[in-house]
């Protein structure tokens, strides 16, 4: 069964940190780009960060630059999103998705290229 599984969400105070994990099973992430997206209630889904696994190329939304870091662990077949200095406006359900893209730069828009999605993990930033 080919799937992505997110974990690591939770409730954190403003200024705190969380690390999200996106673990792939049934396929290897080599050759893929992995994107993190989020959707808050009443808002459209937005791209947060992405990484092209083969090259290590990364991209970030302006709203998270300097606070979030995306990385991959090829041995664990997992992509991580380290989130620091969290703000209430970061509250959302976070999803990871995979796009077969061996060498091209990853994309922050969630078009049909991202055809494998996880179930999402809730991140709530509140005091």
Foldseek 3Di string as FASTA:
>chain_A
DWAWAKDWADEAAQQAKIKMKIATPPDAQQQKKKWKWWDDPPDDIWTAKIAQQQPRDIDGDPVQPPFWDWDDDRVRSMIMIIGGRDDQVVWTWMKMFIARHNDDHDDGDPDVRGPHIYPTDTHGYHD
